[in-house]
């Protein structure tokens, strides 16, 4: 699945959520997805929190097949910045 396809899945989940922070999913060479409130973009930019993971792991996370806490504990996900933002987001997309 491409970054754009995953971004569309995320967009439908955060559109009416009231999420008001910014998060960047950084999948390395595959690209980025930036959530800024309810706006989703595949253009790089600053964020309150950056979550680094592979594109496959992001796809699994969005599909609900990857537990965000276990992924973090096993090193599949690395979080930089405000951890509380990542925790709030996990409630929306996980």
PDB file of N, CA and C in Angstrom:
ATOM      1  N   UNK A   1       0.854  -1.180   0.000  1.00  0.00           N
ATOM      2  CA  UNK A   1       0.000   0.000   0.000  1.00  0.00           C
ATOM      3  C   UNK A   1       0.900   1.243   0.000  1.00  0.00           C
ATOM      4  N   UNK A   2       0.496   2.250  -0.726  1.00  0.00           N
ATOM      5  CA  UNK A   2       1.306   3.465  -0.832  1.00  0.00           C
ATOM      6  C   UNK A   2       1.031   4.418   0.327  1.00  0.00           C
ATOM      7  N   UNK A   3       1.920   5.384   0.492  1.00  0.00           N
ATOM      8  CA  UNK A   3       1.741   6.414   1.518  1.00  0.00           C
ATOM      9  C   UNK A   3       0.429   7.157   1.278  1.00  0.00           C
ATOM     10  N   UNK A   4       0.114   7.448   0.017  1.00  0.00           N
ATOM     11  CA  UNK A   4      -1.119   8.175  -0.306  1.00  0.00           C
ATOM     12  C   UNK A   4      -2.358   7.376   0.092  1.00  0.00           C
ATOM     13  N   UNK A   5      -2.349   6.070  -0.158  1.00  0.00           N
ATOM     14  CA  UNK A   5      -3.494   5.223   0.204  1.00  0.00           C
ATOM     15  C   UNK A   5      -3.681   5.168   1.718  1.00  0.00           C
ATOM     16  N   UNK A   6      -2.583   5.063   2.444  1.00  0.00           N
ATOM     17  CA  UNK A   6      -2.658   5.049   3.908  1.00  0.00           C
ATOM     18  C   UNK A   6      -3.148   6.400   4.417  1.00  0.00           C
ATOM     19  N   UNK A   7      -2.678   7.487   3.796  1.00  0.00           N
ATOM     20  CA  UNK A   7      -3.117   8.829   4.194  1.00  0.00           C
ATOM     21  C   UNK A   7      -4.629   8.965   4.056  1.00  0.00           C
ATOM     22  N   UNK A   8      -5.197   8.392   3.006  1.00  0.00           N
ATOM     23  CA  UNK A   8      -6.649   8.446   2.805  1.00  0.00           C
ATOM     24  C   UNK A   8      -7.389   7.692   3.908  1.00  0.00           C
ATOM     25  N   UNK A   9      -6.846   6.551   4.328  1.00  0.00           N
ATOM     26  CA  UNK A   9      -7.462   5.796   5.425  1.00  0.00           C
ATOM     27  C   UNK A   9      -7.433   6.604   6.720  1.00  0.00           C
ATOM     28  N   UNK A  10      -6.300   7.240   6.984  1.00  0.00           N
ATOM     29  CA  UNK A  10      -6.162   8.044   8.199  1.00  0.00           C
ATOM     30  C   UNK A  10      -7.122   9.225   8.148  1.00  0.00           C
ATOM     31  N   UNK A  11      -7.235   9.839   6.980  1.00  0.00           N
ATOM     32  CA  UNK A  11      -8.091  11.025   6.818  1.00  0.00           C
ATOM     33  C   UNK A  11      -9.527  10.739   7.247  1.00  0.00           C
ATOM     34  N   UNK A  12     -10.039   9.587   6.877  1.00  0.00           N
ATOM     35  CA  UNK A  12     -11.423   9.256   7.225  1.00  0.00           C
ATOM     36  C   UNK A  12     -11.599   9.078   8.729  1.00  0.00           C
ATOM     37  N   UNK A  13     -10.543   8.685   9.421  1.00  0.00           N
ATOM     38  CA  UNK A  13     -10.641   8.457  10.865  1.00  0.00           C
ATOM     39  C   UNK A  13     -10.506   9.732  11.690  1.00  0.00           C
ATOM     40  N   UNK A  14      -9.720  10.683  11.216  1.00  0.00           N
ATOM     41  CA  UNK A  14      -9.504  11.901  12.007  1.00  0.00           C
ATOM     42  C   UNK A  14     -10.409  13.059  11.590  1.00  0.00           C
ATOM     43  N   UNK A  15     -11.134  12.903  10.495  1.00  0.00           N
ATOM     44  CA  UNK A  15     -11.945  13.999   9.953  1.00  0.00           C
ATOM     45  C   UNK A  15     -12.899  14.604  10.974  1.00  0.00           C
ATOM     46  N   UNK A  16     -13.571  13.789  11.740  1.00  0.00           N
ATOM     47  CA  UNK A  16     -14.551  14.310  12.705  1.00  0.00           C
ATOM     48  C   UNK A  16     -14.151  14.019  14.146  1.00  0.00           C
ATOM     49  N   UNK A  17     -12.865  13.787  14.362  1.00  0.00           N
ATOM     50  CA  UNK A  17     -12.396  13.353  15.681  1.00  0.00           C
ATOM     51  C   UNK A  17     -12.171  14.486  16.673  1.00  0.00           C
ATOM     52  N   UNK A  18     -11.951  15.699  16.173  1.00  0.00           N
ATOM     53  CA  UNK A  18     -11.605  16.800  17.061  1.00  0.00           C
ATOM     54  C   UNK A  18     -10.131  16.798  17.444  1.00  0.00           C
ATOM     55  N   UNK A  19      -9.322  15.955  16.793  1.00  0.00           N
ATOM     56  CA  UNK A  19      -7.881  15.900  17.055  1.00  0.00           C
ATOM     57  C   UNK A  19      -7.281  17.255  16.705  1.00  0.00           C
ATOM     58  N   UNK A  20      -6.529  17.849  17.636  1.00  0.00           N
ATOM     59  CA  UNK A  20      -6.060  19.225  17.419  1.00  0.00           C
ATOM     60  C   UNK A  20      -4.553  19.391  17.554  1.00  0.00           C
ATOM     61  N   UNK A  21      -3.807  18.324  17.400  1.00  0.00           N
ATOM     62  CA  UNK A  21      -2.348  18.395  17.471  1.00  0.00           C
ATOM     63  C   UNK A  21      -1.767  18.000  16.121  1.00  0.00           C
ATOM     64  N   UNK A  22      -0.440  17.952  16.042  1.00  0.00           N
ATOM     65  CA  UNK A  22       0.185  17.544  14.785  1.00  0.00           C
ATOM     66  C   UNK A  22       1.115  16.359  15.015  1.00  0.00           C
ATOM     67  N   UNK A  23       1.054  15.437  14.069  1.00  0.00           N
ATOM     68  CA  UNK A  23       1.858  14.217  14.121  1.00  0.00           C
ATOM     69  C   UNK A  23       2.395  13.944  12.725  1.00  0.00           C
ATOM     70  N   UNK A  24       3.649  13.495  12.679  1.00  0.00           N
ATOM     71  CA  UNK A  24       4.237  13.096  11.400  1.00  0.00           C
ATOM     72  C   UNK A  24       4.589  11.614  11.467  1.00  0.00           C
ATOM     73  N   UNK A  25       4.101  10.841  10.496  1.00  0.00           N
ATOM     74  CA  UNK A  25       4.541   9.463  10.310  1.00  0.00           C
ATOM     75  C   UNK A  25       5.660   9.518   9.295  1.00  0.00           C
ATOM     76  N   UNK A  26       6.859   9.132   9.698  1.00  0.00           N
ATOM     77  CA  UNK A  26       8.028   9.159   8.826  1.00  0.00           C
ATOM     78  C   UNK A  26       8.376   7.721   8.456  1.00  0.00           C
ATOM     79  N   UNK A  27       8.152   7.361   7.190  1.00  0.00           N
ATOM     80  CA  UNK A  27       8.444   6.004   6.735  1.00  0.00           C
ATOM     81  C   UNK A  27       9.749   5.949   5.939  1.00  0.00           C
ATOM     82  N   UNK A  28      10.627   6.907   6.188  1.00  0.00           N
ATOM     83  CA  UNK A  28      11.923   6.934   5.517  1.00  0.00           C
ATOM     84  C   UNK A  28      11.775   7.274   4.041  1.00  0.00           C
ATOM     85  N   UNK A  29      12.395   6.464   3.190  1.00  0.00           N
ATOM     86  CA  UNK A  29      12.395   6.728   1.749  1.00  0.00           C
ATOM     87  C   UNK A  29      11.005   6.617   1.125  1.00  0.00           C
ATOM     88  N   UNK A  30      10.068   5.951   1.810  1.00  0.00           N
ATOM     89  CA  UNK A  30       8.707   5.807   1.273  1.00  0.00           C
ATOM     90  C   UNK A  30       7.885   7.080   1.408  1.00  0.00           C
ATOM     91  N   UNK A  31       8.298   8.000   2.289  1.00  0.00           N
ATOM     92  CA  UNK A  31       7.603   9.277   2.420  1.00  0.00           C
ATOM     93  C   UNK A  31       7.068   9.533   3.813  1.00  0.00           C
ATOM     94  N   UNK A  32       6.315  10.608   3.933  1.00  0.00           N
ATOM     95  CA  UNK A  32       5.756  11.018   5.223  1.00  0.00           C
ATOM     96  C   UNK A  32       4.259  11.268   5.089  1.00  0.00           C
ATOM     97  N   UNK A  33       3.586  11.154   6.229  1.00  0.00           N
ATOM     98  CA  UNK A  33       2.193  11.573   6.346  1.00  0.00           C
ATOM     99  C   UNK A  33       2.148  12.506   7.540  1.00  0.00           C
ATOM    100  N   UNK A  34       1.662  13.723   7.326  1.00  0.00           N
ATOM    101  CA  UNK A  34       1.566  14.701   8.405  1.00  0.00           C
ATOM    102  C   UNK A  34       0.089  14.947   8.700  1.00  0.00           C
ATOM    103  N   UNK A  35      -0.271  14.752   9.966  1.00  0.00           N
ATOM    104  CA  UNK A  35      -1.615  15.059  10.436  1.00  0.00           C
ATOM    105  C   UNK A  35      -1.497  16.342  11.237  1.00  0.00           C
ATOM    106  N   UNK A  36      -2.211  17.368  10.820  1.00  0.00           N
ATOM    107  CA  UNK A  36      -2.226  18.641  11.544  1.00  0.00           C
ATOM    108  C   UNK A  36      -3.686  18.958  11.839  1.00  0.00           C
ATOM    109  N   UNK A  37      -4.114  18.598  13.043  1.00  0.00           N
ATOM    110  CA  UNK A  37      -5.533  18.692  13.368  1.00  0.00           C
ATOM    111  C   UNK A  37      -6.285  17.668  12.548  1.00  0.00           C
ATOM    112  N   UNK A  38      -7.190  18.119  11.711  1.00  0.00           N
ATOM    113  CA  UNK A  38      -7.924  17.196  10.846  1.00  0.00           C
ATOM    114  C   UNK A  38      -7.458  17.275   9.396  1.00  0.00           C
ATOM    115  N   UNK A  39      -6.335  17.951   9.155  1.00  0.00           N
ATOM    116  CA  UNK A  39      -5.756  18.062   7.815  1.00  0.00           C
ATOM    117  C   UNK A  39      -4.664  17.014   7.648  1.00  0.00           C
ATOM    118  N   UNK A  40      -4.706  16.279   6.550  1.00  0.00           N
ATOM    119  CA  UNK A  40      -3.726  15.239   6.264  1.00  0.00           C
ATOM    120  C   UNK A  40      -2.931  15.645   5.029  1.00  0.00           C
ATOM    121  N   UNK A  41      -1.603  15.466   5.091  1.00  0.00           N
ATOM    122  CA  UNK A  41      -0.744  15.828   3.966  1.00  0.00           C
ATOM    123  C   UNK A  41       0.366  14.795   3.811  1.00  0.00           C
ATOM    124  N   UNK A  42       0.864  14.639   2.597  1.00  0.00           N
ATOM    125  CA  UNK A  42       2.030  13.795   2.370  1.00  0.00           C
ATOM    126  C   UNK A  42       3.264  14.652   2.096  1.00  0.00           C
ATOM    127  N   UNK A  43       3.174  15.935   2.435  1.00  0.00           N
ATOM    128  CA  UNK A  43       4.312  16.853   2.330  1.00  0.00           C
ATOM    129  C   UNK A  43       4.960  16.988   3.698  1.00  0.00           C
ATOM    130  N   UNK A  44       6.274  16.936   3.737  1.00  0.00           N
ATOM    131  CA  UNK A  44       6.999  17.019   5.002  1.00  0.00           C
ATOM    132  C   UNK A  44       6.809  18.386   5.646  1.00  0.00           C
ATOM    133  N   UNK A  45       6.762  18.388   6.959  1.00  0.00           N
ATOM    134  CA  UNK A  45       6.621  19.626   7.707  1.00  0.00           C
ATOM    135  C   UNK A  45       6.809  19.361   9.183  1.00  0.00           C
ATOM    136  N   UNK A  46       6.875  20.411   9.990  1.00  0.00           N
ATOM    137  CA  UNK A  46       7.077  20.237  11.429  1.00  0.00           C
ATOM    138  C   UNK A  46       5.835  19.629  12.085  1.00  0.00           C
ATOM    139  N   UNK A  47       6.051  18.960  13.224  1.00  0.00           N
ATOM    140  CA  UNK A  47       4.941  18.348  13.960  1.00  0.00           C
ATOM    141  C   UNK A  47       5.288  18.284  15.443  1.00  0.00           C
ATOM    142  N   UNK A  48       4.250  18.209  16.280  1.00  0.00           N
ATOM    143  CA  UNK A  48       4.456  18.068  17.722  1.00  0.00           C
ATOM    144  C   UNK A  48       5.147  16.751  18.048  1.00  0.00           C
ATOM    145  N   UNK A  49       4.899  15.744  17.223  1.00  0.00           N
ATOM    146  CA  UNK A  49       5.402  14.400  17.471  1.00  0.00           C
ATOM    147  C   UNK A  49       5.730  13.745  16.132  1.00  0.00           C
ATOM    148  N   UNK A  50       6.859  13.057  16.056  1.00  0.00           N
ATOM    149  CA  UNK A  50       7.229  12.308  14.857  1.00  0.00           C
ATOM    150  C   UNK A  50       7.305  10.836  15.213  1.00  0.00           C
ATOM    151  N   UNK A  51       6.612  10.021  14.429  1.00  0.00           N
ATOM    152  CA  UNK A  51       6.606   8.578  14.626  1.00  0.00           C
ATOM    153  C   UNK A  51       7.325   7.964  13.436  1.00  0.00           C
ATOM    154  N   UNK A  52       8.446   7.295  13.713  1.00  0.00           N
ATOM    155  CA  UNK A  52       9.242   6.684  12.654  1.00  0.00           C
ATOM    156  C   UNK A  52       8.961   5.187  12.632  1.00  0.00           C
ATOM    157  N   UNK A  53       8.609   4.692  11.437  1.00  0.00           N
ATOM    158  CA  UNK A  53       8.312   3.280  11.260  1.00  0.00           C
ATOM    159  C   UNK A  53       8.331   2.951   9.778  1.00  0.00           C
ATOM    160  N   UNK A  54       8.345   1.661   9.462  1.00  0.00           N
ATOM    161  CA  UNK A  54       8.338   1.260   8.056  1.00  0.00           C
ATOM    162  C   UNK A  54       6.937   1.437   7.480  1.00  0.00           C
ATOM    163  N   UNK A  55       6.856   1.498   6.170  1.00  0.00           N
ATOM    164  CA  UNK A  55       5.565   1.627   5.498  1.00  0.00           C
ATOM    165  C   UNK A  55       4.688   0.409   5.798  1.00  0.00           C
ATOM    166  N   UNK A  56       5.287  -0.785   5.804  1.00  0.00           N
ATOM    167  CA  UNK A  56       4.526  -2.000   6.111  1.00  0.00           C
ATOM    168  C   UNK A  56       3.972  -1.965   7.527  1.00  0.00           C
ATOM    169  N   UNK A  57       4.786  -1.491   8.480  1.00  0.00           N
ATOM    170  CA  UNK A  57       4.315  -1.401   9.862  1.00  0.00           C
ATOM    171  C   UNK A  57       3.221  -0.346  10.005  1.00  0.00           C
ATOM    172  N   UNK A  58       3.323   0.753   9.264  1.00  0.00           N
ATOM    173  CA  UNK A  58       2.273   1.770   9.298  1.00  0.00           C
ATOM    174  C   UNK A  58       0.971   1.197   8.748  1.00  0.00           C
ATOM    175  N   UNK A  59       1.059   0.453   7.668  1.00  0.00           N
ATOM    176  CA  UNK A  59      -0.123  -0.186   7.093  1.00  0.00           C
ATOM    177  C   UNK A  59      -0.755  -1.140   8.110  1.00  0.00           C
ATOM    178  N   UNK A  60       0.061  -1.941   8.780  1.00  0.00           N
ATOM    179  CA  UNK A  60      -0.440  -2.876   9.798  1.00  0.00           C
ATOM    180  C   UNK A  60      -1.044  -2.136  10.979  1.00  0.00           C
ATOM    181  N   UNK A  61      -0.433  -1.025  11.365  1.00  0.00           N
ATOM    182  CA  UNK A  61      -0.935  -0.219  12.478  1.00  0.00           C
ATOM    183  C   UNK A  61      -2.321   0.337  12.152  1.00  0.00           C
ATOM    184  N   UNK A  62      -2.483   0.888  10.969  1.00  0.00           N
ATOM    185  CA  UNK A  62      -3.756   1.469  10.554  1.00  0.00           C
ATOM    186  C   UNK A  62      -4.827   0.383  10.405  1.00  0.00           C
ATOM    187  N   UNK A  63      -4.422  -0.800   9.957  1.00  0.00           N
ATOM    188  CA  UNK A  63      -5.365  -1.911   9.776  1.00  0.00           C
ATOM    189  C   UNK A  63      -5.780  -2.534  11.107  1.00  0.00           C
ATOM    190  N   UNK A  64      -5.060  -2.185  12.186  1.00  0.00           N
ATOM    191  CA  UNK A  64      -5.368  -2.760  13.493  1.00  0.00           C
ATOM    192  C   UNK A  64      -4.655  -4.068  13.758  1.00  0.00           C
ATOM    193  N   UNK A  65      -3.726  -4.439  12.880  1.00  0.00           N
ATOM    194  CA  UNK A  65      -2.992  -5.694  13.031  1.00  0.00           C
ATOM    195  C   UNK A  65      -1.723  -5.549  13.860  1.00  0.00           C
ATOM    196  N   UNK A  66      -1.322  -4.321  14.149  1.00  0.00           N
ATOM    197  CA  UNK A  66      -0.112  -4.063  14.925  1.00  0.00           C
ATOM    198  C   UNK A  66      -0.482  -3.238  16.148  1.00  0.00           C
ATOM    199  N   UNK A  67      -0.225  -3.789  17.319  1.00  0.00           N
ATOM    200  CA  UNK A  67      -0.509  -3.096  18.573  1.00  0.00           C
ATOM    201  C   UNK A  67       0.517  -1.981  18.749  1.00  0.00           C
ATOM    202  N   UNK A  68       0.076  -0.711  18.870  1.00  0.00           N
ATOM    203  CA  UNK A  68       1.033   0.398  18.951  1.00  0.00           C
ATOM    204  C   UNK A  68       1.963   0.314  20.156  1.00  0.00           C
ATOM    205  N   UNK A  69       1.452  -0.139  21.288  1.00  0.00           N
ATOM    206  CA  UNK A  69       2.289  -0.238  22.490  1.00  0.00           C
ATOM    207  C   UNK A  69       3.366  -1.298  22.311  1.00  0.00           C
ATOM    208  N   UNK A  70       2.979  -2.462  21.809  1.00  0.00           N
ATOM    209  CA  UNK A  70       3.955  -3.535  21.593  1.00  0.00           C
ATOM    210  C   UNK A  70       4.968  -3.137  20.520  1.00  0.00           C
ATOM    211  N   UNK A  71       4.502  -2.462  19.483  1.00  0.00           N
ATOM    212  CA  UNK A  71       5.409  -2.024  18.419  1.00  0.00           C
ATOM    213  C   UNK A  71       6.445  -1.050  18.968  1.00  0.00           C
ATOM    214  N   UNK A  72       6.021  -0.164  19.851  1.00  0.00           N
ATOM    215  CA  UNK A  72       6.947   0.785  20.475  1.00  0.00           C
ATOM    216  C   UNK A  72       7.939   0.043  21.363  1.00  0.00           C
ATOM    217  N   UNK A  73       7.439  -0.892  22.164  1.00  0.00           N
ATOM    218  CA  UNK A  73       8.298  -1.616  23.112  1.00  0.00           C
ATOM    219  C   UNK A  73       9.314  -2.507  22.398  1.00  0.00           C
ATOM    220  N   UNK A  74       8.959  -3.006  21.215  1.00  0.00           N
ATOM    221  CA  UNK A  74       9.873  -3.877  20.481  1.00  0.00           C
ATOM    222  C   UNK A  74      10.739  -3.121  19.476  1.00  0.00           C
ATOM    223  N   UNK A  75      10.574  -1.799  19.399  1.00  0.00           N
ATOM    224  CA  UNK A  75      11.422  -0.990  18.533  1.00  0.00           C
ATOM    225  C   UNK A  75      10.943  -0.848  17.102  1.00  0.00           C
ATOM    226  N   UNK A  76       9.753  -1.365  16.778  1.00  0.00           N
ATOM    227  CA  UNK A  76       9.231  -1.199  15.419  1.00  0.00           C
ATOM    228  C   UNK A  76       8.794   0.236  15.170  1.00  0.00           C
ATOM    229  N   UNK A  77       8.437   0.931  16.255  1.00  0.00           N
ATOM    230  CA  UNK A  77       8.027   2.330  16.188  1.00  0.00           C
ATOM    231  C   UNK A  77       8.949   3.139  17.081  1.00  0.00           C
ATOM    232  N   UNK A  78       9.445   4.247  16.576  1.00  0.00           N
ATOM    233  CA  UNK A  78      10.239   5.174  17.379  1.00  0.00           C
ATOM    234  C   UNK A  78       9.488   6.500  17.416  1.00  0.00           C
ATOM    235  N   UNK A  79       9.387   7.088  18.614  1.00  0.00           N
ATOM    236  CA  UNK A  79       8.631   8.325  18.786  1.00  0.00           C
ATOM    237  C   UNK A  79       9.578   9.431  19.220  1.00  0.00           C
ATOM    238  N   UNK A  80       9.513  10.565  18.526  1.00  0.00           N
ATOM    239  CA  UNK A  80      10.285  11.753  18.890  1.00  0.00           C
ATOM    240  C   UNK A  80       9.301  12.881  19.165  1.00  0.00           C
ATOM    241  N   UNK A  81       9.575  13.655  20.198  1.00  0.00           N
ATOM    242  CA  UNK A  81       8.689  14.776  20.519  1.00  0.00           C
ATOM    243  C   UNK A  81       7.709  14.411  21.619  1.00  0.00           C
ATOM    244  N   UNK A  82       6.522  14.967  21.543  1.00  0.00           N
ATOM    245  CA  UNK A  82       5.508  14.843  22.588  1.00  0.00           C
ATOM    246  C   UNK A  82       4.824  13.475  22.543  1.00  0.00           C
ATOM    247  N   UNK A  83       5.187  12.611  23.494  1.00  0.00           N
ATOM    248  CA  UNK A  83       4.650  11.254  23.550  1.00  0.00           C
ATOM    249  C   UNK A  83       3.134  11.245  23.793  1.00  0.00           C
ATOM    250  N   UNK A  84       2.612  12.251  24.488  1.00  0.00           N
ATOM    251  CA  UNK A  84       1.170  12.267  24.762  1.00  0.00           C
ATOM    252  C   UNK A  84       0.362  12.431  23.474  1.00  0.00           C
ATOM    253  N   UNK A  85       0.938  13.090  22.488  1.00  0.00           N
ATOM    254  CA  UNK A  85       0.269  13.241  21.195  1.00  0.00           C
ATOM    255  C   UNK A  85       0.163  11.875  20.514  1.00  0.00           C
ATOM    256  N   UNK A  86       1.238  11.102  20.563  1.00  0.00           N
ATOM    257  CA  UNK A  86       1.225   9.758  19.972  1.00  0.00           C
ATOM    258  C   UNK A  86       0.196   8.878  20.664  1.00  0.00           C
ATOM    259  N   UNK A  87       0.099   8.995  21.974  1.00  0.00           N
ATOM    260  CA  UNK A  87      -0.863   8.187  22.717  1.00  0.00           C
ATOM    261  C   UNK A  87      -2.296   8.573  22.355  1.00  0.00           C
ATOM    262  N   UNK A  88      -2.564   9.859  22.213  1.00  0.00           N
ATOM    263  CA  UNK A  88      -3.908  10.312  21.827  1.00  0.00           C
ATOM    264  C   UNK A  88      -4.254   9.831  20.419  1.00  0.00           C
ATOM    265  N   UNK A  89      -3.279   9.872  19.530  1.00  0.00           N
ATOM    266  CA  UNK A  89      -3.515   9.445  18.159  1.00  0.00           C
ATOM    267  C   UNK A  89      -3.792   7.949  18.089  1.00  0.00           C
ATOM    268  N   UNK A  90      -3.137   7.171  18.935  1.00  0.00           N
ATOM    269  CA  UNK A  90      -3.337   5.720  18.899  1.00  0.00           C
ATOM    270  C   UNK A  90      -4.787   5.348  19.180  1.00  0.00           C
ATOM    271  N   UNK A  91      -5.486   6.176  19.930  1.00  0.00           N
ATOM    272  CA  UNK A  91      -6.904   5.927  20.198  1.00  0.00           C
ATOM    273  C   UNK A  91      -7.752   6.118  18.938  1.00  0.00           C
ATOM    274  N   UNK A  92      -7.294   6.963  18.036  1.00  0.00           N
ATOM    275  CA  UNK A  92      -8.051   7.243  16.812  1.00  0.00           C
ATOM    276  C   UNK A  92      -7.788   6.249  15.695  1.00  0.00           C
ATOM    277  N   UNK A  93      -6.537   5.833  15.555  1.00  0.00           N
ATOM    278  CA  UNK A  93      -6.188   5.035  14.386  1.00  0.00           C
ATOM    279  C   UNK A  93      -5.945   3.573  14.687  1.00  0.00           C
ATOM    280  N   UNK A  94      -5.724   3.238  15.940  1.00  0.00           N
ATOM    281  CA  UNK A  94      -5.380   1.861  16.285  1.00  0.00           C
ATOM    282  C   UNK A  94      -6.546   0.940  16.377  1.00  0.00           C
TER     283      UNK A  94
END
